[in-house]
Amino acid sequence: MSGVAGGFAYFMPAALVAWNSTAQAVQVPSPSPAEILFSPSPSPSPVAQPGAFTVLLLGSDDDSKFSADHVLTQSMILMRVQPATKEVTMLSIPRDLYVHLSTGGSGKIDGAYSYGAAGAAIATVEQDFGVHIDDYIWVGLLGLVKVIDAIGGIDIVTNSPVMDDYYPADVYGSWPYDYQRVAVLAGPQHLDGIHAMQYVRSRHSDLQSDFGRSKRQQQVLQAIRLKAKQLAPSDLPALATAIGGELKTNFGLDKVAQLVPLAASFDNPDAIHQVLLLPPYVEPGAPGGSLTPNWSLISRLVHQTFP
């Protein structure tokens, strides 16, 4: 749902909309070794490159169904930015992945943020995937809508049309548990914020379920990147106003300032690598309809890029 988060960390002047939400303190709990249920298979670490960093992108349904302190993450993307080679790798983590939670016990990974905010989500990903995370960005449900509207919409080719009779009517409706019918047809589309959110959030009509939604999230993220490259510094105050309280990050303004010229240098689409955890990396059959991770395969895949 909130693939827009990647746009802020990954590319662009839009990172500056975090004026009032930067430098958020985050405490990452250290799990007890006795609580860890498994250990990822050892894999050779990638060669460290100067200036490279890893960001965890989080997107939440923070509508009125949830307490502001206990939201789920409908989108979770692990991103590695390598300035020296101008390469970016985005790894989408399925929201239904059944993992050990840093706060104790096991459950779907989308609940990690709910039990301890960004710190718990970071610790869960670090311990289960065996990676180090430098920074995080969290975006709320309306963040996607507001930012895409503020930049004038996005242009995509919808290879996977959305036809959903049970789409949650929880954003602008009078009852957050209601449903509505939505459709985003196949072919070239110019999407405003609401329709872009419908495109990346729906999963009822997609034969690939959450896997298909992960693909759509990364597609919209790319479209945001392309549109954001057209922004001028004079556009930033309007973006900052539009985003409101829908973004949190531990990026300080000094680092944000460093990211802006870096973002503009990522022009080669072949240097943007998109990774999805599809079968056999995950399989159905875990409790509550969740997905069982194949950690030996996931570890080898992840550690090709992430330290």
C-alpha atoms as a PDB file:
ATOM      1  CA  MET A   1       0.000   0.000   0.000  1.00  0.00           C
ATOM      2  CA  SER A   2       2.635   2.513   0.906  1.00  0.00           C
ATOM      3  CA  GLY A   3       5.203   1.899  -1.777  1.00  0.00           C
ATOM      4  CA  VAL A   4       5.482   5.676  -1.754  1.00  0.00           C
ATOM      5  CA  ALA A   5       7.782   5.256   1.217  1.00  0.00           C
ATOM      6  CA  GLY A   6      10.459   4.090  -1.133  1.00  0.00           C
ATOM      7  CA  GLY A   7      10.235   7.297  -3.065  1.00  0.00           C
ATOM      8  CA  PHE A   8      11.247   9.317  -0.045  1.00  0.00           C
ATOM      9  CA  ALA A   9      14.216   7.213   0.959  1.00  0.00           C
ATOM     10  CA  TYR A  10      15.308   6.175  -2.456  1.00  0.00           C
ATOM     11  CA  PHE A  11      15.240   9.056  -4.696  1.00  0.00           C
ATOM     12  CA  MET A  12      14.299  12.429  -4.308  1.00  0.00           C
ATOM     13  CA  PRO A  13      13.426  15.894  -3.443  1.00  0.00           C
ATOM     14  CA  ALA A  14      10.250  14.523  -1.904  1.00  0.00           C
ATOM     15  CA  ALA A  15      12.425  13.328   0.961  1.00  0.00           C
ATOM     16  CA  LEU A  16      12.380  16.941   2.097  1.00  0.00           C
ATOM     17  CA  VAL A  17       8.686  16.732   2.894  1.00  0.00           C
ATOM     18  CA  ALA A  18       9.790  15.074   6.107  1.00  0.00           C
ATOM     19  CA  TRP A  19      10.659  18.496   7.590  1.00  0.00           C
ATOM     20  CA  ASN A  20       8.539  17.900  10.660  1.00  0.00           C
ATOM     21  CA  SER A  21       8.992  14.141  10.813  1.00  0.00           C
ATOM     22  CA  THR A  22      12.731  13.627  10.553  1.00  0.00           C
ATOM     23  CA  ALA A  23      15.177  12.485  13.198  1.00  0.00           C
ATOM     24  CA  GLN A  24      12.524  10.371  14.928  1.00  0.00           C
ATOM     25  CA  ALA A  25      14.177   8.453  17.748  1.00  0.00           C
ATOM     26  CA  VAL A  26      13.963   4.698  17.321  1.00  0.00           C
ATOM     27  CA  GLN A  27      14.915   2.094  19.888  1.00  0.00           C
ATOM     28  CA  VAL A  28      15.645  -1.347  18.505  1.00  0.00           C
ATOM     29  CA  PRO A  29      15.113  -4.021  21.162  1.00  0.00           C
ATOM     30  CA  SER A  30      17.644  -6.822  21.450  1.00  0.00           C
ATOM     31  CA  PRO A  31      15.849 -10.179  21.390  1.00  0.00           C
ATOM     32  CA  SER A  32      16.839 -12.839  23.864  1.00  0.00           C
ATOM     33  CA  PRO A  33      18.875 -15.599  22.175  1.00  0.00           C
ATOM     34  CA  ALA A  34      16.599 -18.116  23.830  1.00  0.00           C
ATOM     35  CA  GLU A  35      13.629 -16.684  21.962  1.00  0.00           C
ATOM     36  CA  ILE A  36      15.084 -17.066  18.469  1.00  0.00           C
ATOM     37  CA  LEU A  37      13.429 -20.056  16.859  1.00  0.00           C
ATOM     38  CA  PHE A  38      15.809 -20.474  13.945  1.00  0.00           C
ATOM     39  CA  SER A  39      19.030 -19.171  12.478  1.00  0.00           C
ATOM     40  CA  PRO A  40      19.297 -18.204   8.805  1.00  0.00           C
ATOM     41  CA  SER A  41      21.832 -20.267   6.900  1.00  0.00           C
ATOM     42  CA  PRO A  42      25.229 -18.567   6.707  1.00  0.00           C
ATOM     43  CA  SER A  43      25.935 -16.892   3.385  1.00  0.00           C
ATOM     44  CA  PRO A  44      28.860 -14.820   2.172  1.00  0.00           C
ATOM     45  CA  SER A  45      28.240 -11.132   2.790  1.00  0.00           C
ATOM     46  CA  PRO A  46      28.334  -8.748  -0.170  1.00  0.00           C
ATOM     47  CA  VAL A  47      31.393  -6.572  -0.586  1.00  0.00           C
ATOM     48  CA  ALA A  48      30.836  -3.360   1.368  1.00  0.00           C
ATOM     49  CA  GLN A  49      30.768  -0.223  -0.759  1.00  0.00           C
ATOM     50  CA  PRO A  50      31.514   3.294   0.484  1.00  0.00           C
ATOM     51  CA  GLY A  51      28.387   5.173   1.473  1.00  0.00           C
ATOM     52  CA  ALA A  52      26.006   2.232   0.965  1.00  0.00           C
ATOM     53  CA  PHE A  53      23.076   1.990   3.374  1.00  0.00           C
ATOM     54  CA  THR A  54      19.963  -0.108   4.022  1.00  0.00           C
ATOM     55  CA  VAL A  55      16.498   1.323   4.650  1.00  0.00           C
ATOM     56  CA  LEU A  56      13.356  -0.431   5.871  1.00  0.00           C
ATOM     57  CA  LEU A  57      10.257   1.029   4.204  1.00  0.00           C
ATOM     58  CA  LEU A  58       6.993   0.574   6.099  1.00  0.00           C
ATOM     59  CA  GLY A  59       3.444   1.391   5.012  1.00  0.00           C
ATOM     60  CA  SER A  60       0.428   1.140   7.331  1.00  0.00           C
ATOM     61  CA  ASP A  61      -3.341   1.166   7.192  1.00  0.00           C
ATOM     62  CA  ASP A  62      -3.685   3.852   9.848  1.00  0.00           C
ATOM     63  CA  ASP A  63      -7.395   4.458   9.323  1.00  0.00           C
ATOM     64  CA  SER A  64      -9.929   4.644  12.131  1.00  0.00           C
ATOM     65  CA  LYS A  65     -10.084   0.852  12.572  1.00  0.00           C
ATOM     66  CA  PHE A  66      -6.745   1.006  14.366  1.00  0.00           C
ATOM     67  CA  SER A  67      -5.284   2.738  17.387  1.00  0.00           C
ATOM     68  CA  ALA A  68      -2.591   5.148  16.241  1.00  0.00           C
ATOM     69  CA  ASP A  69      -0.032   3.215  18.309  1.00  0.00           C
ATOM     70  CA  HIS A  70      -0.994  -0.248  17.042  1.00  0.00           C
ATOM     71  CA  VAL A  71      -1.156  -0.299  13.261  1.00  0.00           C
ATOM     72  CA  LEU A  72      -0.167  -3.151  10.974  1.00  0.00           C
ATOM     73  CA  THR A  73       2.306  -2.750   8.127  1.00  0.00           C
ATOM     74  CA  GLN A  74       0.551  -3.599   4.888  1.00  0.00           C
ATOM     75  CA  SER A  75       3.779  -2.965   2.987  1.00  0.00           C
ATOM     76  CA  MET A  76       7.351  -3.775   4.038  1.00  0.00           C
ATOM     77  CA  ILE A  77      10.255  -3.259   1.625  1.00  0.00           C
ATOM     78  CA  LEU A  78      13.915  -3.757   2.458  1.00  0.00           C
ATOM     79  CA  MET A  79      16.008  -1.442   0.285  1.00  0.00           C
ATOM     80  CA  ARG A  80      19.764  -1.270  -0.296  1.00  0.00           C
ATOM     81  CA  VAL A  81      21.168   1.921  -1.840  1.00  0.00           C
ATOM     82  CA  GLN A  82      24.724   1.779  -3.247  1.00  0.00           C
ATOM     83  CA  PRO A  83      25.833   5.281  -4.312  1.00  0.00           C
ATOM     84  CA  ALA A  84      29.210   4.129  -5.705  1.00  0.00           C
ATOM     85  CA  THR A  85      27.597   1.971  -8.387  1.00  0.00           C
ATOM     86  CA  LYS A  86      24.295   3.886  -8.492  1.00  0.00           C
ATOM     87  CA  GLU A  87      22.373   0.672  -7.822  1.00  0.00           C
ATOM     88  CA  VAL A  88      19.271   0.099  -5.732  1.00  0.00           C
ATOM     89  CA  THR A  89      17.786  -3.237  -4.670  1.00  0.00           C
ATOM     90  CA  MET A  90      14.231  -3.441  -3.342  1.00  0.00           C
ATOM     91  CA  LEU A  91      13.137  -6.640  -1.585  1.00  0.00           C
ATOM     92  CA  SER A  92       9.416  -6.883  -0.829  1.00  0.00           C
ATOM     93  CA  ILE A  93       8.663  -8.873   2.324  1.00  0.00           C
ATOM     94  CA  PRO A  94       5.207 -10.547   2.241  1.00  0.00           C
ATOM     95  CA  ARG A  95       2.964  -9.168   4.959  1.00  0.00           C
ATOM     96  CA  ASP A  96       1.745 -12.704   5.767  1.00  0.00           C
ATOM     97  CA  LEU A  97       5.223 -14.153   6.352  1.00  0.00           C
ATOM     98  CA  TYR A  98       5.179 -16.174   9.592  1.00  0.00           C
ATOM     99  CA  VAL A  99       8.237 -15.186  11.630  1.00  0.00           C
ATOM    100  CA  HIS A 100       9.609 -14.912  15.128  1.00  0.00           C
ATOM    101  CA  LEU A 101       8.729 -11.437  16.433  1.00  0.00           C
ATOM    102  CA  SER A 102      11.369  -9.424  18.249  1.00  0.00           C
ATOM    103  CA  THR A 103       8.928  -8.717  21.067  1.00  0.00           C
ATOM    104  CA  GLY A 104       8.404 -12.435  21.683  1.00  0.00           C
ATOM    105  CA  GLY A 105       6.395 -15.249  20.160  1.00  0.00           C
ATOM    106  CA  SER A 106       5.652 -15.788  16.487  1.00  0.00           C
ATOM    107  CA  GLY A 107       3.152 -14.328  14.061  1.00  0.00           C
ATOM    108  CA  LYS A 108       2.708 -12.572  10.747  1.00  0.00           C
ATOM    109  CA  ILE A 109       5.433 -10.038  10.125  1.00  0.00           C
ATOM    110  CA  ASP A 110       2.857  -7.281   9.549  1.00  0.00           C
ATOM    111  CA  GLY A 111       2.207  -7.321  13.308  1.00  0.00           C
ATOM    112  CA  ALA A 112       5.780  -6.470  14.300  1.00  0.00           C
ATOM    113  CA  TYR A 113       5.187  -2.701  14.057  1.00  0.00           C
ATOM    114  CA  SER A 114       1.949  -2.994  16.007  1.00  0.00           C
ATOM    115  CA  TYR A 115       3.723  -4.503  19.017  1.00  0.00           C
ATOM    116  CA  GLY A 116       6.552  -1.980  19.231  1.00  0.00           C
ATOM    117  CA  ALA A 117       6.510   0.609  16.434  1.00  0.00           C
ATOM    118  CA  ALA A 118       9.513   1.039  14.137  1.00  0.00           C
ATOM    119  CA  GLY A 119      12.010  -0.373  16.635  1.00  0.00           C
ATOM    120  CA  ALA A 120      10.199  -3.707  16.839  1.00  0.00           C
ATOM    121  CA  ALA A 121       9.758  -3.909  13.061  1.00  0.00           C
ATOM    122  CA  ILE A 122      13.464  -3.212  12.493  1.00  0.00           C
ATOM    123  CA  ALA A 123      14.540  -5.750  15.131  1.00  0.00           C
ATOM    124  CA  THR A 124      12.249  -8.413  13.679  1.00  0.00           C
ATOM    125  CA  VAL A 125      13.636  -8.011  10.166  1.00  0.00           C
ATOM    126  CA  GLU A 126      17.230  -7.827  11.404  1.00  0.00           C
ATOM    127  CA  GLN A 127      17.029 -10.990  13.502  1.00  0.00           C
ATOM    128  CA  ASP A 128      15.029 -13.089  11.047  1.00  0.00           C
ATOM    129  CA  PHE A 129      16.737 -12.047   7.815  1.00  0.00           C
ATOM    130  CA  GLY A 130      20.191 -11.624   9.337  1.00  0.00           C
ATOM    131  CA  VAL A 131      20.695  -8.101   7.976  1.00  0.00           C
ATOM    132  CA  HIS A 132      21.632  -4.698   9.373  1.00  0.00           C
ATOM    133  CA  ILE A 133      19.197  -1.799   8.867  1.00  0.00           C
ATOM    134  CA  ASP A 134      20.521   1.761   8.981  1.00  0.00           C
ATOM    135  CA  ASP A 135      17.330   3.796   8.626  1.00  0.00           C
ATOM    136  CA  TYR A 136      13.566   3.481   8.358  1.00  0.00           C
ATOM    137  CA  ILE A 137      10.689   5.366   6.777  1.00  0.00           C
ATOM    138  CA  TRP A 138       7.048   4.855   7.762  1.00  0.00           C
ATOM    139  CA  VAL A 139       4.135   6.195   5.698  1.00  0.00           C
ATOM    140  CA  GLY A 140       0.470   6.125   6.681  1.00  0.00           C
ATOM    141  CA  LEU A 141      -2.447   5.178   4.489  1.00  0.00           C
ATOM    142  CA  LEU A 142      -3.258   8.707   3.383  1.00  0.00           C
ATOM    143  CA  GLY A 143       0.405   9.474   2.694  1.00  0.00           C
ATOM    144  CA  LEU A 144       0.218   7.735  -0.659  1.00  0.00           C
ATOM    145  CA  VAL A 145      -2.935   9.602  -1.659  1.00  0.00           C
ATOM    146  CA  LYS A 146      -1.682  13.020  -0.572  1.00  0.00           C
ATOM    147  CA  VAL A 147       1.758  12.811  -2.151  1.00  0.00           C
ATOM    148  CA  ILE A 148       0.586  11.458  -5.506  1.00  0.00           C
ATOM    149  CA  ASP A 149      -2.070  14.164  -5.690  1.00  0.00           C
ATOM    150  CA  ALA A 150       0.507  16.798  -4.718  1.00  0.00           C
ATOM    151  CA  ILE A 151       2.826  15.779  -7.593  1.00  0.00           C
ATOM    152  CA  GLY A 152      -0.029  15.760 -10.112  1.00  0.00           C
ATOM    153  CA  GLY A 153      -0.646  12.025 -10.324  1.00  0.00           C
ATOM    154  CA  ILE A 154       1.463   9.231 -11.814  1.00  0.00           C
ATOM    155  CA  ASP A 155       1.587   7.406 -15.148  1.00  0.00           C
ATOM    156  CA  ILE A 156       1.798   3.618 -15.280  1.00  0.00           C
ATOM    157  CA  VAL A 157       0.894   0.718 -17.531  1.00  0.00           C
ATOM    158  CA  THR A 158      -1.309  -1.583 -15.474  1.00  0.00           C
ATOM    159  CA  ASN A 159      -0.345  -5.089 -16.512  1.00  0.00           C
ATOM    160  CA  SER A 160      -2.446  -6.471 -13.660  1.00  0.00           C
ATOM    161  CA  PRO A 161      -5.889  -4.792 -13.699  1.00  0.00           C
ATOM    162  CA  VAL A 162      -7.765  -4.480 -10.420  1.00  0.00           C
ATOM    163  CA  MET A 163     -11.429  -5.503 -10.168  1.00  0.00           C
ATOM    164  CA  ASP A 164     -12.399  -5.682  -6.504  1.00  0.00           C
ATOM    165  CA  ASP A 165     -15.929  -5.954  -5.092  1.00  0.00           C
ATOM    166  CA  TYR A 166     -14.646  -6.036  -1.509  1.00  0.00           C
ATOM    167  CA  TYR A 167     -12.240  -3.133  -1.353  1.00  0.00           C
ATOM    168  CA  PRO A 168     -12.184  -1.529   2.140  1.00  0.00           C
ATOM    169  CA  ALA A 169     -14.109   1.753   2.244  1.00  0.00           C
ATOM    170  CA  ASP A 170     -12.148   2.922   5.254  1.00  0.00           C
ATOM    171  CA  VAL A 171     -10.499   6.110   4.063  1.00  0.00           C
ATOM    172  CA  TYR A 172     -13.193   8.659   3.327  1.00  0.00           C
ATOM    173  CA  GLY A 173     -16.279   6.588   4.090  1.00  0.00           C
ATOM    174  CA  SER A 174     -18.585   7.039   7.082  1.00  0.00           C
ATOM    175  CA  TRP A 175     -17.990   3.505   8.408  1.00  0.00           C
ATOM    176  CA  PRO A 176     -14.441   2.085   8.331  1.00  0.00           C
ATOM    177  CA  TYR A 177     -15.639  -1.540   8.091  1.00  0.00           C
ATOM    178  CA  ASP A 178     -17.637  -1.012   4.913  1.00  0.00           C
ATOM    179  CA  TYR A 179     -16.668  -2.220   1.406  1.00  0.00           C
ATOM    180  CA  GLN A 180     -16.894  -0.725  -2.063  1.00  0.00           C
ATOM    181  CA  ARG A 181     -16.394  -1.796  -5.666  1.00  0.00           C
ATOM    182  CA  VAL A 182     -13.253  -0.447  -7.356  1.00  0.00           C
ATOM    183  CA  ALA A 183     -11.650  -0.968 -10.752  1.00  0.00           C
ATOM    184  CA  VAL A 184      -8.339   0.044 -12.315  1.00  0.00           C
ATOM    185  CA  LEU A 185      -8.353  -1.231 -15.888  1.00  0.00           C
ATOM    186  CA  ALA A 186      -5.450  -2.638 -17.878  1.00  0.00           C
ATOM    187  CA  GLY A 187      -3.300  -0.457 -20.116  1.00  0.00           C
ATOM    188  CA  PRO A 188      -1.719   2.997 -19.849  1.00  0.00           C
ATOM    189  CA  GLN A 189      -3.245   4.902 -16.951  1.00  0.00           C
ATOM    190  CA  HIS A 190      -2.846   8.291 -15.300  1.00  0.00           C
ATOM    191  CA  LEU A 191      -3.727   7.700 -11.654  1.00  0.00           C
ATOM    192  CA  ASP A 192      -4.557  10.208  -8.969  1.00  0.00           C
ATOM    193  CA  GLY A 193      -3.849   9.388  -5.328  1.00  0.00           C
ATOM    194  CA  ILE A 194      -7.061   7.491  -4.584  1.00  0.00           C
ATOM    195  CA  HIS A 195      -6.844   5.285  -7.683  1.00  0.00           C
ATOM    196  CA  ALA A 196      -3.135   4.633  -7.153  1.00  0.00           C
ATOM    197  CA  MET A 197      -3.914   3.516  -3.606  1.00  0.00           C
ATOM    198  CA  GLN A 198      -6.649   1.221  -4.900  1.00  0.00           C
ATOM    199  CA  TYR A 199      -4.229  -0.232  -7.442  1.00  0.00           C
ATOM    200  CA  VAL A 200      -1.526  -1.088  -4.912  1.00  0.00           C
ATOM    201  CA  ARG A 201      -3.773  -2.007  -1.995  1.00  0.00           C
ATOM    202  CA  SER A 202      -6.325  -4.393  -3.531  1.00  0.00           C
ATOM    203  CA  ARG A 203      -5.574  -8.113  -3.538  1.00  0.00           C
ATOM    204  CA  HIS A 204      -8.942  -9.881  -3.758  1.00  0.00           C
ATOM    205  CA  SER A 205      -8.997 -10.212  -7.552  1.00  0.00           C
ATOM    206  CA  ASP A 206      -5.281 -10.882  -8.071  1.00  0.00           C
ATOM    207  CA  LEU A 207      -4.496 -14.533  -8.778  1.00  0.00           C
ATOM    208  CA  GLN A 208      -1.110 -13.975  -7.150  1.00  0.00           C
ATOM    209  CA  SER A 209      -2.719 -12.465  -4.023  1.00  0.00           C
ATOM    210  CA  ASP A 210      -0.136 -10.643  -1.920  1.00  0.00           C
ATOM    211  CA  PHE A 211       2.661 -11.486  -4.368  1.00  0.00           C
ATOM    212  CA  GLY A 212       0.813  -9.601  -7.098  1.00  0.00           C
ATOM    213  CA  ARG A 213       0.251  -6.692  -4.777  1.00  0.00           C
ATOM    214  CA  SER A 214       3.975  -6.533  -4.013  1.00  0.00           C
ATOM    215  CA  LYS A 215       4.669  -6.226  -7.753  1.00  0.00           C
ATOM    216  CA  ARG A 216       2.143  -3.393  -8.053  1.00  0.00           C
ATOM    217  CA  GLN A 217       3.645  -1.588  -5.058  1.00  0.00           C
ATOM    218  CA  GLN A 218       7.098  -1.599  -6.636  1.00  0.00           C
ATOM    219  CA  GLN A 219       5.617  -0.479  -9.984  1.00  0.00           C
ATOM    220  CA  VAL A 220       3.962   2.540  -8.348  1.00  0.00           C
ATOM    221  CA  LEU A 221       7.150   3.318  -6.448  1.00  0.00           C
ATOM    222  CA  GLN A 222       8.983   3.522  -9.783  1.00  0.00           C
ATOM    223  CA  ALA A 223       6.270   5.793 -11.194  1.00  0.00           C
ATOM    224  CA  ILE A 224       6.596   8.115  -8.204  1.00  0.00           C
ATOM    225  CA  ARG A 225      10.350   8.254  -8.769  1.00  0.00           C
ATOM    226  CA  LEU A 226       9.915   9.288 -12.408  1.00  0.00           C
ATOM    227  CA  LYS A 227       7.335  11.951 -11.597  1.00  0.00           C
ATOM    228  CA  ALA A 228       9.321  13.296  -8.658  1.00  0.00           C
ATOM    229  CA  LYS A 229      12.309  13.974 -10.905  1.00  0.00           C
ATOM    230  CA  GLN A 230      10.242  16.777 -12.437  1.00  0.00           C
ATOM    231  CA  LEU A 231       9.883  18.577  -9.119  1.00  0.00           C
ATOM    232  CA  ALA A 232      11.556  21.893  -8.433  1.00  0.00           C
ATOM    233  CA  PRO A 233      12.652  23.150  -5.016  1.00  0.00           C
ATOM    234  CA  SER A 234       9.715  25.543  -5.077  1.00  0.00           C
ATOM    235  CA  ASP A 235       7.367  22.536  -5.010  1.00  0.00           C
ATOM    236  CA  LEU A 236       8.667  21.240  -1.698  1.00  0.00           C
ATOM    237  CA  PRO A 237       6.660  23.451   0.705  1.00  0.00           C
ATOM    238  CA  ALA A 238       3.395  22.277  -0.878  1.00  0.00           C
ATOM    239  CA  LEU A 239       4.523  18.664  -0.574  1.00  0.00           C
ATOM    240  CA  ALA A 240       5.448  19.157   3.067  1.00  0.00           C
ATOM    241  CA  THR A 241       2.004  20.593   3.763  1.00  0.00           C
ATOM    242  CA  ALA A 242       0.296  17.763   1.883  1.00  0.00           C
ATOM    243  CA  ILE A 243       2.062  14.953   3.720  1.00  0.00           C
ATOM    244  CA  GLY A 244       1.108  16.285   7.151  1.00  0.00           C
ATOM    245  CA  GLY A 245       1.645  13.663   9.847  1.00  0.00           C
ATOM    246  CA  GLU A 246       1.638  10.736   7.446  1.00  0.00           C
ATOM    247  CA  LEU A 247       5.409  10.204   7.456  1.00  0.00           C
ATOM    248  CA  LYS A 248       7.925   9.256  10.134  1.00  0.00           C
ATOM    249  CA  THR A 249      11.625   8.596   9.646  1.00  0.00           C
ATOM    250  CA  ASN A 250      14.871   8.634  11.597  1.00  0.00           C
ATOM    251  CA  PHE A 251      16.609  10.453   8.732  1.00  0.00           C
ATOM    252  CA  GLY A 252      18.007  13.747   9.982  1.00  0.00           C
ATOM    253  CA  LEU A 253      17.760  16.802   7.760  1.00  0.00           C
ATOM    254  CA  ASP A 254      21.499  16.675   7.110  1.00  0.00           C
ATOM    255  CA  LYS A 255      21.155  13.202   5.605  1.00  0.00           C
ATOM    256  CA  VAL A 256      18.047  14.201   3.685  1.00  0.00           C
ATOM    257  CA  ALA A 257      20.047  17.036   2.120  1.00  0.00           C
ATOM    258  CA  GLN A 258      22.700  14.526   1.061  1.00  0.00           C
ATOM    259  CA  LEU A 259      20.094  12.254  -0.516  1.00  0.00           C
ATOM    260  CA  VAL A 260      18.636  14.875  -2.841  1.00  0.00           C
ATOM    261  CA  PRO A 261      21.596  15.136  -5.269  1.00  0.00           C
ATOM    262  CA  LEU A 262      22.187  11.403  -4.891  1.00  0.00           C
ATOM    263  CA  ALA A 263      18.610  10.666  -5.889  1.00  0.00           C
ATOM    264  CA  ALA A 264      18.926  12.670  -9.079  1.00  0.00           C
ATOM    265  CA  SER A 265      21.885  10.546 -10.191  1.00  0.00           C
ATOM    266  CA  PHE A 266      19.937   7.261 -10.327  1.00  0.00           C
ATOM    267  CA  ASP A 267      18.940   7.380 -13.984  1.00  0.00           C
ATOM    268  CA  ASN A 268      19.613   3.832 -15.223  1.00  0.00           C
ATOM    269  CA  PRO A 269      16.484   1.651 -14.870  1.00  0.00           C
ATOM    270  CA  ASP A 270      18.635  -1.477 -15.244  1.00  0.00           C
ATOM    271  CA  ALA A 271      20.396  -0.558 -11.989  1.00  0.00           C
ATOM    272  CA  ILE A 272      17.129  -0.783 -10.046  1.00  0.00           C
ATOM    273  CA  HIS A 273      16.684  -4.398  -8.946  1.00  0.00           C
ATOM    274  CA  GLN A 274      13.293  -5.597  -7.748  1.00  0.00           C
ATOM    275  CA  VAL A 275      13.099  -8.803  -5.709  1.00  0.00           C
ATOM    276  CA  LEU A 276       9.954 -10.662  -4.599  1.00  0.00           C
ATOM    277  CA  LEU A 277       9.844 -13.615  -2.207  1.00  0.00           C
ATOM    278  CA  LEU A 278       7.773 -16.013  -4.312  1.00  0.00           C
ATOM    279  CA  PRO A 279       7.606 -19.825  -3.983  1.00  0.00           C
ATOM    280  CA  PRO A 280       9.844 -21.747  -3.289  1.00  0.00           C
ATOM    281  CA  TYR A 281      11.185 -18.996  -0.985  1.00  0.00           C
ATOM    282  CA  VAL A 282       7.838 -19.037   0.821  1.00  0.00           C
ATOM    283  CA  GLU A 283       5.074 -21.629   0.926  1.00  0.00           C
ATOM    284  CA  PRO A 284       1.495 -21.634   2.259  1.00  0.00           C
ATOM    285  CA  GLY A 285       0.474 -23.640   5.291  1.00  0.00           C
ATOM    286  CA  ALA A 286       1.626 -21.620   8.308  1.00  0.00           C
ATOM    287  CA  PRO A 287      -0.831 -20.761  11.137  1.00  0.00           C
ATOM    288  CA  GLY A 288      -3.712 -18.449  10.320  1.00  0.00           C
ATOM    289  CA  GLY A 289      -3.255 -18.725   6.567  1.00  0.00           C
ATOM    290  CA  SER A 290       0.223 -17.212   6.732  1.00  0.00           C
ATOM    291  CA  LEU A 291       3.318 -18.141   4.736  1.00  0.00           C
ATOM    292  CA  THR A 292       6.145 -20.421   5.808  1.00  0.00           C
ATOM    293  CA  PRO A 293       9.598 -19.002   4.988  1.00  0.00           C
ATOM    294  CA  ASN A 294      12.282 -21.246   3.507  1.00  0.00           C
ATOM    295  CA  TRP A 295      15.118 -19.598   5.428  1.00  0.00           C
ATOM    296  CA  SER A 296      17.966 -21.437   3.725  1.00  0.00           C
ATOM    297  CA  LEU A 297      16.862 -20.130   0.308  1.00  0.00           C
ATOM    298  CA  ILE A 298      15.924 -16.684   1.612  1.00  0.00           C
ATOM    299  CA  SER A 299      19.262 -16.284   3.388  1.00  0.00           C
ATOM    300  CA  ARG A 300      21.269 -17.022   0.237  1.00  0.00           C
ATOM    301  CA  LEU A 301      19.115 -14.621  -1.801  1.00  0.00           C
ATOM    302  CA  VAL A 302      19.144 -11.786   0.720  1.00  0.00           C
ATOM    303  CA  HIS A 303      22.859 -11.944   1.440  1.00  0.00           C
ATOM    304  CA  GLN A 304      23.748 -11.464  -2.196  1.00  0.00           C
ATOM    305  CA  THR A 305      22.919  -7.791  -1.597  1.00  0.00           C
ATOM    306  CA  PHE A 306      22.260  -7.014   2.053  1.00  0.00           C
ATOM    307  CA  PRO A 307      25.002  -7.094   4.726  1.00  0.00           C
END
